[in-house]
C-alpha atoms as a PDB file:
ATOM      1  CA  MET A   1     -30.752-155.449  30.826  1.00  0.00           C
ATOM      2  CA  GLN A   2     -32.852-155.352  27.713  1.00  0.00           C
ATOM      3  CA  GLY A   3     -31.558-155.102  24.321  1.00  0.00           C
ATOM      4  CA  VAL A   4     -31.397-152.132  21.838  1.00  0.00           C
ATOM      5  CA  SER A   5     -31.474-151.986  18.273  1.00  0.00           C
ATOM      6  CA  PHE A   6     -31.693-150.163  15.099  1.00  0.00           C
ATOM      7  CA  LEU A   7     -34.712-151.657  13.565  1.00  0.00           C
ATOM      8  CA  SER A   8     -34.404-149.599  10.365  1.00  0.00           C
ATOM      9  CA  LEU A   9     -32.167-147.466   8.641  1.00  0.00           C
ATOM     10  CA  ALA A  10     -32.803-144.846   5.885  1.00  0.00           C
ATOM     11  CA  TYR A  11     -31.222-141.570   4.343  1.00  0.00           C
ATOM     12  CA  SER A  12     -31.804-138.932   2.172  1.00  0.00           C
ATOM     13  CA  THR A  13     -29.707-136.751  -0.346  1.00  0.00           C
ATOM     14  CA  PRO A  14     -30.588-133.426  -2.458  1.00  0.00           C
ATOM     15  CA  SER A  15     -31.266-133.743  -5.803  1.00  0.00           C
ATOM     16  CA  ARG A  16     -28.256-131.566  -6.859  1.00  0.00           C
ATOM     17  CA  VAL A  17     -25.299-133.172  -7.593  1.00  0.00           C
ATOM     18  CA  VAL A  18     -21.975-130.931  -7.413  1.00  0.00           C
ATOM     19  CA  THR A  19     -18.969-132.562  -8.754  1.00  0.00           C
ATOM     20  CA  ASN A  20     -15.189-131.596  -8.199  1.00  0.00           C
ATOM     21  CA  GLU A  21     -14.821-130.390 -11.778  1.00  0.00           C
ATOM     22  CA  GLU A  22     -18.005-128.049 -11.195  1.00  0.00           C
ATOM     23  CA  LEU A  23     -15.844-126.720  -7.931  1.00  0.00           C
ATOM     24  CA  ASP A  24     -12.266-126.428  -9.910  1.00  0.00           C
ATOM     25  CA  GLY A  25     -13.335-123.445 -11.655  1.00  0.00           C
ATOM     26  CA  SER A  26     -14.829-121.485  -8.768  1.00  0.00           C
ATOM     27  CA  LEU A  27     -12.477-122.200  -5.953  1.00  0.00           C
ATOM     28  CA  GLY A  28      -9.464-121.919  -8.560  1.00  0.00           C
ATOM     29  CA  LEU A  29      -7.839-125.128  -8.043  1.00  0.00           C
ATOM     30  CA  GLY A  30      -6.224-127.613 -10.648  1.00  0.00           C
ATOM     31  CA  ARG A  31      -7.983-130.847 -11.708  1.00  0.00           C
ATOM     32  CA  GLY A  32      -7.711-133.352  -9.251  1.00  0.00           C
ATOM     33  CA  VAL A  33      -6.485-131.676  -6.513  1.00  0.00           C
ATOM     34  CA  ILE A  34      -9.793-131.886  -4.532  1.00  0.00           C
ATOM     35  CA  GLN A  35      -9.755-135.635  -4.754  1.00  0.00           C
ATOM     36  CA  ARG A  36      -6.487-136.105  -3.668  1.00  0.00           C
ATOM     37  CA  LEU A  37      -6.954-133.766  -0.754  1.00  0.00           C
ATOM     38  CA  THR A  38     -10.048-135.113   0.328  1.00  0.00           C
ATOM     39  CA  GLY A  39     -11.152-138.178  -1.182  1.00  0.00           C
ATOM     40  CA  ILE A  40     -14.617-136.938  -2.478  1.00  0.00           C
ATOM     41  CA  GLU A  41     -15.649-136.852  -5.772  1.00  0.00           C
ATOM     42  CA  ARG A  42     -18.969-135.665  -5.922  1.00  0.00           C
ATOM     43  CA  ARG A  43     -21.131-134.056  -3.324  1.00  0.00           C
ATOM     44  CA  ARG A  44     -25.124-133.146  -2.802  1.00  0.00           C
ATOM     45  CA  TYR A  45     -26.005-129.422  -2.499  1.00  0.00           C
ATOM     46  CA  LEU A  46     -29.799-128.514  -1.761  1.00  0.00           C
ATOM     47  CA  ALA A  47     -31.667-127.658  -4.919  1.00  0.00           C
ATOM     48  CA  PRO A  48     -34.526-125.064  -5.031  1.00  0.00           C
ATOM     49  CA  GLY A  49     -37.412-126.087  -3.277  1.00  0.00           C
ATOM     50  CA  GLU A  50     -35.259-128.429  -1.035  1.00  0.00           C
ATOM     51  CA  SER A  51     -34.636-127.561   2.589  1.00  0.00           C
ATOM     52  CA  LEU A  52     -32.730-129.133   5.823  1.00  0.00           C
ATOM     53  CA  GLN A  53     -36.687-129.900   7.152  1.00  0.00           C
ATOM     54  CA  SER A  54     -37.524-131.701   3.603  1.00  0.00           C
ATOM     55  CA  LEU A  55     -34.310-133.858   3.926  1.00  0.00           C
ATOM     56  CA  ALA A  56     -35.211-134.897   7.108  1.00  0.00           C
ATOM     57  CA  VAL A  57     -38.807-135.817   6.570  1.00  0.00           C
ATOM     58  CA  ASP A  58     -37.986-138.197   3.292  1.00  0.00           C
ATOM     59  CA  ALA A  59     -35.259-139.985   5.528  1.00  0.00           C
ATOM     60  CA  CYS A  60     -37.743-140.034   8.531  1.00  0.00           C
ATOM     61  CA  ARG A  61     -40.698-141.360   6.298  1.00  0.00           C
ATOM     62  CA  ASP A  62     -38.163-143.911   4.777  1.00  0.00           C
ATOM     63  CA  ALA A  63     -37.158-145.152   7.955  1.00  0.00           C
ATOM     64  CA  VAL A  64     -40.726-145.539   9.322  1.00  0.00           C
ATOM     65  CA  THR A  65     -42.055-147.393   6.118  1.00  0.00           C
ATOM     66  CA  ARG A  66     -38.726-150.091   6.516  1.00  0.00           C
ATOM     67  CA  SER A  67     -39.476-150.419  10.251  1.00  0.00           C
ATOM     68  CA  GLY A  68     -42.999-152.104   9.677  1.00  0.00           C
ATOM     69  CA  LEU A  69     -43.992-149.922  12.672  1.00  0.00           C
ATOM     70  CA  ASP A  70     -47.301-148.026  12.585  1.00  0.00           C
ATOM     71  CA  PRO A  71     -46.753-144.287  13.451  1.00  0.00           C
ATOM     72  CA  SER A  72     -48.753-144.692  16.590  1.00  0.00           C
ATOM     73  CA  GLU A  73     -46.106-146.752  17.885  1.00  0.00           C
ATOM     74  CA  ILE A  74     -43.292-144.258  17.999  1.00  0.00           C
ATOM     75  CA  ASP A  75     -43.006-142.385  21.374  1.00  0.00           C
ATOM     76  CA  SER A  76     -40.435-139.946  20.801  1.00  0.00           C
ATOM     77  CA  LEU A  77     -38.848-138.098  18.111  1.00  0.00           C
ATOM     78  CA  ILE A  78     -35.091-137.088  18.511  1.00  0.00           C
ATOM     79  CA  PHE A  79     -33.638-134.376  15.761  1.00  0.00           C
ATOM     80  CA  TYR A  80     -30.120-133.626  15.703  1.00  0.00           C
ATOM     81  CA  THR A  81     -27.899-130.932  13.685  1.00  0.00           C
ATOM     82  CA  ASP A  82     -24.967-128.862  13.274  1.00  0.00           C
ATOM     83  CA  SER A  83     -26.449-126.436  10.916  1.00  0.00           C
ATOM     84  CA  PRO A  84     -28.072-123.303  11.935  1.00  0.00           C
ATOM     85  CA  PRO A  85     -31.838-123.889  11.917  1.00  0.00           C
ATOM     86  CA  VAL A  86     -32.144-121.239   9.214  1.00  0.00           C
ATOM     87  CA  LEU A  87     -33.818-120.699   5.909  1.00  0.00           C
ATOM     88  CA  PRO A  88     -32.828-118.202   3.520  1.00  0.00           C
ATOM     89  CA  GLU A  89     -35.170-115.575   2.513  1.00  0.00           C
ATOM     90  CA  GLY A  90     -33.307-112.850   0.145  1.00  0.00           C
ATOM     91  CA  ALA A  91     -30.000-111.688   0.254  1.00  0.00           C
ATOM     92  CA  ILE A  92     -30.101-110.537   3.673  1.00  0.00           C
ATOM     93  CA  HIS A  93     -32.538-111.698   5.844  1.00  0.00           C
ATOM     94  CA  ARG A  94     -32.596-115.421   6.788  1.00  0.00           C
ATOM     95  CA  ARG A  95     -35.301-117.079   9.170  1.00  0.00           C
ATOM     96  CA  VAL A  96     -34.019-118.658  12.446  1.00  0.00           C
ATOM     97  CA  TYR A  97     -35.850-121.345  13.582  1.00  0.00           C
ATOM     98  CA  TYR A  98     -36.677-122.017  17.462  1.00  0.00           C
ATOM     99  CA  ASP A  99     -36.641-125.894  17.176  1.00  0.00           C
ATOM    100  CA  ILE A 100     -36.912-127.565  13.658  1.00  0.00           C
ATOM    101  CA  SER A 101     -38.391-131.031  15.244  1.00  0.00           C
ATOM    102  CA  THR A 102     -41.760-129.471  15.747  1.00  0.00           C
ATOM    103  CA  HIS A 103     -41.773-128.596  11.986  1.00  0.00           C
ATOM    104  CA  ILE A 104     -40.487-132.105  11.049  1.00  0.00           C
ATOM    105  CA  GLN A 105     -43.462-133.830  12.892  1.00  0.00           C
ATOM    106  CA  TYR A 106     -45.851-131.342  11.324  1.00  0.00           C
ATOM    107  CA  LEU A 107     -44.534-132.137   7.439  1.00  0.00           C
ATOM    108  CA  LEU A 108     -44.657-135.692   8.461  1.00  0.00           C
ATOM    109  CA  GLY A 109     -48.110-135.439   9.351  1.00  0.00           C
ATOM    110  CA  GLU A 110     -48.997-133.593   6.122  1.00  0.00           C
ATOM    111  CA  LYS A 111     -47.129-136.743   4.288  1.00  0.00           C
ATOM    112  CA  GLY A 112     -49.604-139.278   5.923  1.00  0.00           C
ATOM    113  CA  ILE A 113     -47.253-140.218   8.803  1.00  0.00           C
ATOM    114  CA  PRO A 114     -48.816-138.827  12.100  1.00  0.00           C
ATOM    115  CA  LEU A 115     -46.466-138.918  14.913  1.00  0.00           C
ATOM    116  CA  ALA A 116     -48.461-138.177  18.340  1.00  0.00           C
ATOM    117  CA  CYS A 117     -45.339-138.129  20.589  1.00  0.00           C
ATOM    118  CA  GLU A 118     -42.509-135.513  22.016  1.00  0.00           C
ATOM    119  CA  CYS A 119     -40.220-133.648  19.805  1.00  0.00           C
ATOM    120  CA  VAL A 120     -36.512-133.007  20.694  1.00  0.00           C
ATOM    121  CA  CYS A 121     -34.044-130.782  18.944  1.00  0.00           C
ATOM    122  CA  ILE A 122     -30.564-131.120  19.991  1.00  0.00           C
ATOM    123  CA  GLY A 123     -28.081-128.612  18.393  1.00  0.00           C
ATOM    124  CA  GLY A 124     -24.188-130.366  18.247  1.00  0.00           C
ATOM    125  CA  SER A 125     -21.324-131.350  16.512  1.00  0.00           C
ATOM    126  CA  CYS A 126     -20.373-134.468  14.501  1.00  0.00           C
ATOM    127  CA  VAL A 127     -20.832-136.480  17.179  1.00  0.00           C
ATOM    128  CA  SER A 128     -24.486-135.564  17.927  1.00  0.00           C
ATOM    129  CA  PHE A 129     -25.628-138.872  16.442  1.00  0.00           C
ATOM    130  CA  LEU A 130     -24.052-140.869  18.796  1.00  0.00           C
ATOM    131  CA  LEU A 131     -24.976-138.657  21.242  1.00  0.00           C
ATOM    132  CA  SER A 132     -28.548-138.943  20.293  1.00  0.00           C
ATOM    133  CA  ALA A 133     -28.455-142.603  20.080  1.00  0.00           C
ATOM    134  CA  GLN A 134     -27.243-142.630  23.552  1.00  0.00           C
ATOM    135  CA  MET A 135     -29.996-140.813  25.099  1.00  0.00           C
ATOM    136  CA  ALA A 136     -32.594-143.274  22.865  1.00  0.00           C
ATOM    137  CA  MET A 137     -31.091-146.565  24.509  1.00  0.00           C
ATOM    138  CA  GLY A 138     -31.466-144.755  27.997  1.00  0.00           C
ATOM    139  CA  LEU A 139     -35.155-144.285  27.446  1.00  0.00           C
ATOM    140  CA  ILE A 140     -35.891-147.254  25.738  1.00  0.00           C
ATOM    141  CA  ARG A 141     -33.946-149.788  28.221  1.00  0.00           C
ATOM    142  CA  SER A 142     -35.460-147.721  31.210  1.00  0.00           C
ATOM    143  CA  GLY A 143     -39.135-148.202  29.985  1.00  0.00           C
ATOM    144  CA  LEU A 144     -39.789-144.705  29.479  1.00  0.00           C
ATOM    145  CA  LYS A 145     -40.082-145.138  25.545  1.00  0.00           C
ATOM    146  CA  LYS A 146     -40.467-148.059  23.495  1.00  0.00           C
ATOM    147  CA  HIS A 147     -39.431-146.991  19.952  1.00  0.00           C
ATOM    148  CA  VAL A 148     -37.667-143.680  19.085  1.00  0.00           C
ATOM    149  CA  LEU A 149     -37.391-141.975  15.345  1.00  0.00           C
ATOM    150  CA  LEU A 150     -33.565-140.533  15.632  1.00  0.00           C
ATOM    151  CA  VAL A 151     -33.275-138.620  12.571  1.00  0.00           C
ATOM    152  CA  GLY A 152     -30.296-135.755  11.752  1.00  0.00           C
ATOM    153  CA  ALA A 153     -29.812-133.306   8.744  1.00  0.00           C
ATOM    154  CA  ALA A 154     -27.191-130.878   7.807  1.00  0.00           C
ATOM    155  CA  CYS A 155     -27.357-128.155   5.273  1.00  0.00           C
ATOM    156  CA  ASN A 156     -23.907-127.200   5.056  1.00  0.00           C
ATOM    157  CA  SER A 157     -24.323-125.832   1.026  1.00  0.00           C
ATOM    158  CA  LEU A 158     -26.285-122.808   2.646  1.00  0.00           C
ATOM    159  CA  PHE A 159     -22.843-121.713   4.377  1.00  0.00           C
ATOM    160  CA  LEU A 160     -20.138-122.035   1.876  1.00  0.00           C
ATOM    161  CA  GLU A 161     -20.070-118.868  -0.403  1.00  0.00           C
ATOM    162  CA  ASP A 162     -17.701-116.924   1.307  1.00  0.00           C
ATOM    163  CA  THR A 163     -15.637-119.849   3.545  1.00  0.00           C
ATOM    164  CA  ASP A 164     -12.278-120.986   3.076  1.00  0.00           C
ATOM    165  CA  LYS A 165     -12.146-123.028  -0.159  1.00  0.00           C
ATOM    166  CA  ASN A 166     -10.187-126.007   1.755  1.00  0.00           C
ATOM    167  CA  VAL A 167     -13.843-125.853   3.545  1.00  0.00           C
ATOM    168  CA  ALA A 168     -15.788-125.380   0.678  1.00  0.00           C
ATOM    169  CA  MET A 169     -14.390-128.335  -1.342  1.00  0.00           C
ATOM    170  CA  THR A 170     -15.407-130.923   1.364  1.00  0.00           C
ATOM    171  CA  PHE A 171     -18.937-130.029   2.848  1.00  0.00           C
ATOM    172  CA  GLY A 172     -22.584-131.671   1.390  1.00  0.00           C
ATOM    173  CA  ASP A 173     -25.907-131.429   2.683  1.00  0.00           C
ATOM    174  CA  GLY A 174     -27.736-134.831   3.635  1.00  0.00           C
ATOM    175  CA  ALA A 175     -30.011-136.445   6.252  1.00  0.00           C
ATOM    176  CA  ALA A 176     -30.405-139.995   7.897  1.00  0.00           C
ATOM    177  CA  ALA A 177     -33.012-141.677  10.136  1.00  0.00           C
ATOM    178  CA  SER A 178     -33.028-144.673  12.286  1.00  0.00           C
ATOM    179  CA  ILE A 179     -35.720-146.131  14.610  1.00  0.00           C
ATOM    180  CA  LEU A 180     -34.425-147.702  17.675  1.00  0.00           C
ATOM    181  CA  GLY A 181     -36.316-150.060  19.682  1.00  0.00           C
ATOM    182  CA  PRO A 182     -36.345-153.137  22.218  1.00  0.00           C
ATOM    183  CA  SER A 183     -35.147-156.303  20.781  1.00  0.00           C
ATOM    184  CA  ALA A 184     -34.453-159.800  21.857  1.00  0.00           C
ATOM    185  CA  ASP A 185     -30.508-159.782  20.927  1.00  0.00           C
ATOM    186  CA  GLU A 186     -28.023-157.264  22.424  1.00  0.00           C
ATOM    187  CA  GLY A 187     -28.199-154.961  19.810  1.00  0.00           C
ATOM    188  CA  ILE A 188     -26.253-151.776  20.843  1.00  0.00           C
ATOM    189  CA  ILE A 189     -23.241-153.148  22.976  1.00  0.00           C
ATOM    190  CA  GLY A 190     -21.931-150.146  24.069  1.00  0.00           C
ATOM    191  CA  ILE A 191     -21.593-146.149  23.570  1.00  0.00           C
ATOM    192  CA  PHE A 192     -18.852-143.911  24.654  1.00  0.00           C
ATOM    193  CA  CYS A 193     -18.645-140.063  24.188  1.00  0.00           C
ATOM    194  CA  MET A 194     -16.022-137.807  25.865  1.00  0.00           C
ATOM    195  CA  THR A 195     -15.843-133.925  25.506  1.00  0.00           C
ATOM    196  CA  ASP A 196     -12.783-131.718  25.625  1.00  0.00           C
ATOM    197  CA  GLY A 197     -14.041-128.156  25.820  1.00  0.00           C
ATOM    198  CA  ARG A 198     -11.060-126.389  24.578  1.00  0.00           C
ATOM    199  CA  GLY A 199     -12.320-126.900  21.049  1.00  0.00           C
ATOM    200  CA  TYR A 200     -15.210-124.866  21.684  1.00  0.00           C
ATOM    201  CA  LEU A 201     -13.774-122.181  19.192  1.00  0.00           C
ATOM    202  CA  ALA A 202     -12.912-124.494  16.626  1.00  0.00           C
ATOM    203  CA  GLY A 203     -15.897-123.867  14.878  1.00  0.00           C
ATOM    204  CA  CYS A 204     -18.654-121.472  14.067  1.00  0.00           C
ATOM    205  CA  TYR A 205     -20.932-119.546  11.935  1.00  0.00           C
ATOM    206  CA  PRO A 206     -20.135-115.931  11.842  1.00  0.00           C
ATOM    207  CA  GLU A 207     -23.406-113.929  11.243  1.00  0.00           C
ATOM    208  CA  TYR A 208     -25.559-117.280  10.179  1.00  0.00           C
ATOM    209  CA  ARG A 209     -23.842-116.573   6.594  1.00  0.00           C
ATOM    210  CA  THR A 210     -20.901-118.592   6.265  1.00  0.00           C
ATOM    211  CA  LEU A 211     -19.089-121.835   7.970  1.00  0.00           C
ATOM    212  CA  PHE A 212     -15.711-121.004   9.560  1.00  0.00           C
ATOM    213  CA  ILE A 213     -13.702-124.150  10.566  1.00  0.00           C
ATOM    214  CA  ASN A 214     -10.135-123.873  11.673  1.00  0.00           C
ATOM    215  CA  ARG A 215      -8.368-126.303   9.897  1.00  0.00           C
ATOM    216  CA  LYS A 216      -5.306-126.382  11.207  1.00  0.00           C
ATOM    217  CA  ARG A 217      -6.347-127.638  14.576  1.00  0.00           C
ATOM    218  CA  VAL A 218      -9.318-129.945  13.576  1.00  0.00           C
ATOM    219  CA  ALA A 219      -6.376-131.399  11.163  1.00  0.00           C
ATOM    220  CA  GLU A 220      -4.481-132.231  14.425  1.00  0.00           C
ATOM    221  CA  PHE A 221      -7.101-133.237  16.655  1.00  0.00           C
ATOM    222  CA  ALA A 222      -9.186-135.332  14.588  1.00  0.00           C
ATOM    223  CA  PRO A 223      -6.903-138.528  13.978  1.00  0.00           C
ATOM    224  CA  LEU A 224      -6.082-138.485  17.946  1.00  0.00           C
ATOM    225  CA  ALA A 225      -9.973-138.254  18.273  1.00  0.00           C
ATOM    226  CA  PHE A 226     -10.445-141.237  15.853  1.00  0.00           C
ATOM    227  CA  GLN A 227      -7.805-143.284  18.203  1.00  0.00           C
ATOM    228  CA  ALA A 228      -9.415-142.080  21.740  1.00  0.00           C
ATOM    229  CA  ALA A 229     -13.068-142.847  20.848  1.00  0.00           C
ATOM    230  CA  LEU A 230     -11.929-146.038  19.683  1.00  0.00           C
ATOM    231  CA  ASN A 231      -9.898-146.685  22.593  1.00  0.00           C
ATOM    232  CA  GLY A 232     -12.516-145.439  25.093  1.00  0.00           C
ATOM    233  CA  LEU A 233     -14.971-147.856  23.398  1.00  0.00           C
ATOM    234  CA  LEU A 234     -13.065-150.856  23.831  1.00  0.00           C
ATOM    235  CA  ALA A 235     -12.117-150.107  27.394  1.00  0.00           C
ATOM    236  CA  ARG A 236     -15.629-149.664  28.085  1.00  0.00           C
ATOM    237  CA  THR A 237     -16.941-152.979  26.508  1.00  0.00           C
ATOM    238  CA  GLY A 238     -14.256-155.149  26.465  1.00  0.00           C
ATOM    239  CA  LEU A 239     -14.050-155.859  22.782  1.00  0.00           C
ATOM    240  CA  ARG A 240     -10.890-155.953  20.544  1.00  0.00           C
ATOM    241  CA  ILE A 241     -10.281-153.809  16.963  1.00  0.00           C
ATOM    242  CA  GLU A 242     -10.154-157.503  15.976  1.00  0.00           C
ATOM    243  CA  ASP A 243     -13.696-158.429  17.066  1.00  0.00           C
ATOM    244  CA  PHE A 244     -15.287-155.904  14.553  1.00  0.00           C
ATOM    245  CA  ASP A 245     -16.598-156.952  11.044  1.00  0.00           C
ATOM    246  CA  VAL A 246     -17.135-153.331   9.705  1.00  0.00           C
ATOM    247  CA  VAL A 247     -16.025-150.044  10.961  1.00  0.00           C
ATOM    248  CA  ILE A 248     -17.817-147.000   9.810  1.00  0.00           C
ATOM    249  CA  PRO A 249     -15.921-143.021  10.551  1.00  0.00           C
ATOM    250  CA  HIS A 250     -17.262-140.138  10.523  1.00  0.00           C
ATOM    251  CA  GLN A 251     -16.620-138.990   6.761  1.00  0.00           C
ATOM    252  CA  ALA A 252     -14.243-135.996   7.301  1.00  0.00           C
ATOM    253  CA  GLY A 253     -11.833-136.706   4.926  1.00  0.00           C
ATOM    254  CA  ILE A 254      -9.488-139.668   3.514  1.00  0.00           C
ATOM    255  CA  LYS A 255      -6.168-138.055   5.001  1.00  0.00           C
ATOM    256  CA  ILE A 256      -7.835-137.674   8.880  1.00  0.00           C
ATOM    257  CA  ILE A 257      -9.522-141.054   8.551  1.00  0.00           C
ATOM    258  CA  GLU A 258      -6.108-142.889   7.291  1.00  0.00           C
ATOM    259  CA  ARG A 259      -4.024-141.601   9.689  1.00  0.00           C
ATOM    260  CA  GLY A 260      -6.734-142.095  12.293  1.00  0.00           C
ATOM    261  CA  MET A 261      -6.955-145.739  11.198  1.00  0.00           C
ATOM    262  CA  GLU A 262      -3.244-145.874  11.509  1.00  0.00           C
ATOM    263  CA  LEU A 263      -3.038-144.943  14.961  1.00  0.00           C
ATOM    264  CA  ALA A 264      -6.082-146.762  16.103  1.00  0.00           C
ATOM    265  CA  GLY A 265      -4.686-150.147  14.328  1.00  0.00           C
ATOM    266  CA  VAL A 266      -7.841-150.567  12.304  1.00  0.00           C
ATOM    267  CA  PRO A 267      -7.205-152.594   9.225  1.00  0.00           C
ATOM    268  CA  ARG A 268      -8.079-150.723   5.564  1.00  0.00           C
ATOM    269  CA  ASP A 269     -10.631-153.488   4.750  1.00  0.00           C
ATOM    270  CA  LYS A 270     -12.940-153.110   7.916  1.00  0.00           C
ATOM    271  CA  VAL A 271     -13.391-149.623   6.918  1.00  0.00           C
ATOM    272  CA  TYR A 272     -16.511-148.299   4.948  1.00  0.00           C
ATOM    273  CA  LEU A 273     -16.432-144.982   3.432  1.00  0.00           C
ATOM    274  CA  CYS A 274     -18.898-142.953   1.295  1.00  0.00           C
ATOM    275  CA  LEU A 275     -17.345-139.761   1.472  1.00  0.00           C
ATOM    276  CA  GLN A 276     -16.556-139.959  -2.186  1.00  0.00           C
ATOM    277  CA  GLU A 277     -20.260-140.040  -3.164  1.00  0.00           C
ATOM    278  CA  VAL A 278     -21.866-137.414  -0.548  1.00  0.00           C
ATOM    279  CA  GLY A 279     -18.971-135.296   0.890  1.00  0.00           C
ATOM    280  CA  ASN A 280     -18.890-134.426   4.704  1.00  0.00           C
ATOM    281  CA  THR A 281     -22.470-134.103   5.868  1.00  0.00           C
ATOM    282  CA  GLY A 282     -21.294-133.187   9.240  1.00  0.00           C
ATOM    283  CA  ALA A 283     -23.442-134.331  11.794  1.00  0.00           C
ATOM    284  CA  PRO A 284     -25.448-137.168  10.227  1.00  0.00           C
ATOM    285  CA  ALA A 285     -22.627-138.256   8.118  1.00  0.00           C
ATOM    286  CA  VAL A 286     -21.945-141.467  10.677  1.00  0.00           C
ATOM    287  CA  GLN A 287     -25.885-142.301  10.463  1.00  0.00           C
ATOM    288  CA  MET A 288     -25.801-141.670   6.487  1.00  0.00           C
ATOM    289  CA  ALA A 289     -22.937-143.855   6.019  1.00  0.00           C
ATOM    290  CA  LEU A 290     -24.313-146.607   8.380  1.00  0.00           C
ATOM    291  CA  ALA A 291     -27.713-146.714   6.157  1.00  0.00           C
ATOM    292  CA  LYS A 292     -25.526-146.361   2.832  1.00  0.00           C
ATOM    293  CA  ALA A 293     -23.291-149.456   3.977  1.00  0.00           C
ATOM    294  CA  GLU A 294     -26.692-151.193   4.674  1.00  0.00           C
ATOM    295  CA  GLU A 295     -27.744-150.080   0.916  1.00  0.00           C
ATOM    296  CA  ASP A 296     -24.427-151.330  -0.253  1.00  0.00           C
ATOM    297  CA  GLY A 297     -24.519-154.796   1.068  1.00  0.00           C
ATOM    298  CA  ARG A 298     -21.422-154.195   3.360  1.00  0.00           C
ATOM    299  CA  LEU A 299     -23.471-155.435   6.577  1.00  0.00           C
ATOM    300  CA  ARG A 300     -24.484-159.128   7.251  1.00  0.00           C
ATOM    301  CA  ALA A 301     -26.583-160.160   9.747  1.00  0.00           C
ATOM    302  CA  GLY A 302     -24.327-160.744  13.015  1.00  0.00           C
ATOM    303  CA  ASP A 303     -22.000-158.275  12.164  1.00  0.00           C
ATOM    304  CA  LEU A 304     -20.322-156.362  14.700  1.00  0.00           C
ATOM    305  CA  VAL A 305     -19.999-153.198  13.665  1.00  0.00           C
ATOM    306  CA  ALA A 306     -18.112-150.036  15.225  1.00  0.00           C
ATOM    307  CA  LEU A 307     -19.135-146.478  14.630  1.00  0.00           C
ATOM    308  CA  VAL A 308     -16.338-143.561  14.901  1.00  0.00           C
ATOM    309  CA  ALA A 309     -17.353-139.695  15.166  1.00  0.00           C
ATOM    310  CA  PHE A 310     -15.253-136.883  16.063  1.00  0.00           C
ATOM    311  CA  GLY A 311     -15.978-133.048  15.667  1.00  0.00           C
ATOM    312  CA  THR A 312     -15.069-129.518  16.938  1.00  0.00           C
ATOM    313  CA  GLY A 313     -16.099-128.848  20.729  1.00  0.00           C
ATOM    314  CA  TRP A 314     -13.802-131.202  20.962  1.00  0.00           C
ATOM    315  CA  ASN A 315     -15.983-134.007  20.740  1.00  0.00           C
ATOM    316  CA  TYR A 316     -15.517-137.770  20.187  1.00  0.00           C
ATOM    317  CA  GLY A 317     -17.307-141.160  20.535  1.00  0.00           C
ATOM    318  CA  ALA A 318     -17.681-144.400  19.447  1.00  0.00           C
ATOM    319  CA  ALA A 319     -20.554-147.233  19.443  1.00  0.00           C
ATOM    320  CA  ALA A 320     -20.520-151.027  19.006  1.00  0.00           C
ATOM    321  CA  PHE A 321     -23.376-152.854  17.687  1.00  0.00           C
ATOM    322  CA  ARG A 322     -24.766-156.267  16.522  1.00  0.00           C
ATOM    323  CA  TYR A 323     -26.404-155.890  13.054  1.00  0.00           C
ATOM    324  CA  ARG A 324     -29.554-157.493  13.314  1.00  0.00           C
ATOM    325  CA  GLY A 325     -30.154-157.437   9.183  1.00  0.00           C
ATOM    326  CA  SER A 326     -32.755-156.436   7.340  1.00  0.00           C
ATOM    327  CA  PRO A 327     -35.432-157.741   5.141  1.00  0.00           C
ATOM    328  CA  GLU A 328     -35.089-154.610   2.866  1.00  0.00           C
ATOM    329  CA  ALA A 329     -31.657-154.027   3.249  1.00  0.00           C
ATOM    330  CA  GLY A 330     -30.067-152.806  -0.566  1.00  0.00           C
ATOM    331  CA  LYS A 331     -33.330-151.450  -1.249  1.00  0.00           C
ATOM    332  CA  ILE A 332     -33.026-147.703   0.861  1.00  0.00           C
ATOM    333  CA  PRO A 333     -34.432-145.090  -1.556  1.00  0.00           C
ATOM    334  CA  GLY A 334     -31.624-142.861  -0.615  1.00  0.00           C
ATOM    335  CA  GLY A 335     -30.709-141.378  -4.194  1.00  0.00           C
ATOM    336  CA  GLY A 336     -32.650-138.014  -3.561  1.00  0.00           C
ATOM    337  CA  PRO A 337     -35.848-136.532  -2.402  1.00  0.00           C
ATOM    338  CA  SER A 338     -39.127-138.725  -2.012  1.00  0.00           C
ATOM    339  CA  ASP A 339     -42.208-137.651  -4.080  1.00  0.00           C
END
C-alpha cells in the first residue's frame, strides 16, 4: 500500500500575548493559581484585524512554501475547527459563515497562492485533526488525490468573556496546517478514532456568545480517553509504547495529561508539551504541537511519533507515523501573523 507522509508542518498564532498575570485580576485568582492548575504560562488571543481565517491563511501559506510544491499540485483543502464560524460585528450581532474553507481558498489566492481544488469544511471536536488526516490519507491511498492541504484553526478568545473562569484560564487561539502526500517510506502507520455519543452535551456555544464546558465530566473522561486512544492505536498497529520516540497529546491541561500518561504507561520523557506557551487551542492543538515540536528540534528523522487526541462528544483517537524530517525544521515562522 502506498505510503502517506506529512510533507510539511506549519502553525500560526495571533499577535496578542495574554499572560497569567493579565488574567489573574479579571478572573479574581491568586498569583500562580493558573499555572498550578493548568501548566499554562501564556496564551494568544486574536488582536484587532485578526480572525480565524487570517490565522488559517498564514499557516497554509507557510505549509505550502515549506513543502516546495506549486499550488497547482494541491488537489484538496480540508479545513476543520471546533469554533463556531463567526466574526463579531458589534455588541449584539455576529455574522455566521456557511463554509469558511471557501473563504480561506479565496484569501490564499489574494496572497499569491491560487488553489484550483475542492474545499471541505469539517466542524467537530479536538479530535478533528486526526479525523481529517484519516480522510486525507484515504483519498491519497485510493489515488483520488495526491496532495491534500490540511488546516485547522480556533478562535476561542471570542467566546470567553462570560464563561466559567476555569475554562477562561485555559483556552487560546491558533492555527496549524500540513500537506499530506505520497511517499516512498511508510509515513503514517495507522490512525484509530472512536466516538461515544453520550458526551454530546459536554460542550456547546450558547447563542454563539460563550463557551460552555462541563468541566467535571471532561476531567473524568479525558484521562480515560487518553488511555483508550493509545490502546486502540496499539491494537490496530501492533506497536508498543516503548516503540515510540515522541508522544504528542492534546494540550488540554497538565493534570489531565499527567493522569492520562499514568493510566497509559507513557514515560514523561517521551511527551512533548507546548501548552505552557499557547494554552489549549482546541481542535488544532495537536497539529500545532506537532509543528512546534519540529520547530523546537524535538523530532529527528526516523522518529516514531504518536499523536493522541480527545474531546467532547465524546471523541478520542490516536495516530502513529514515522517522521521523515524536514530541511526547514527549526525555521517555522509560527510566532505570529505573516506579513
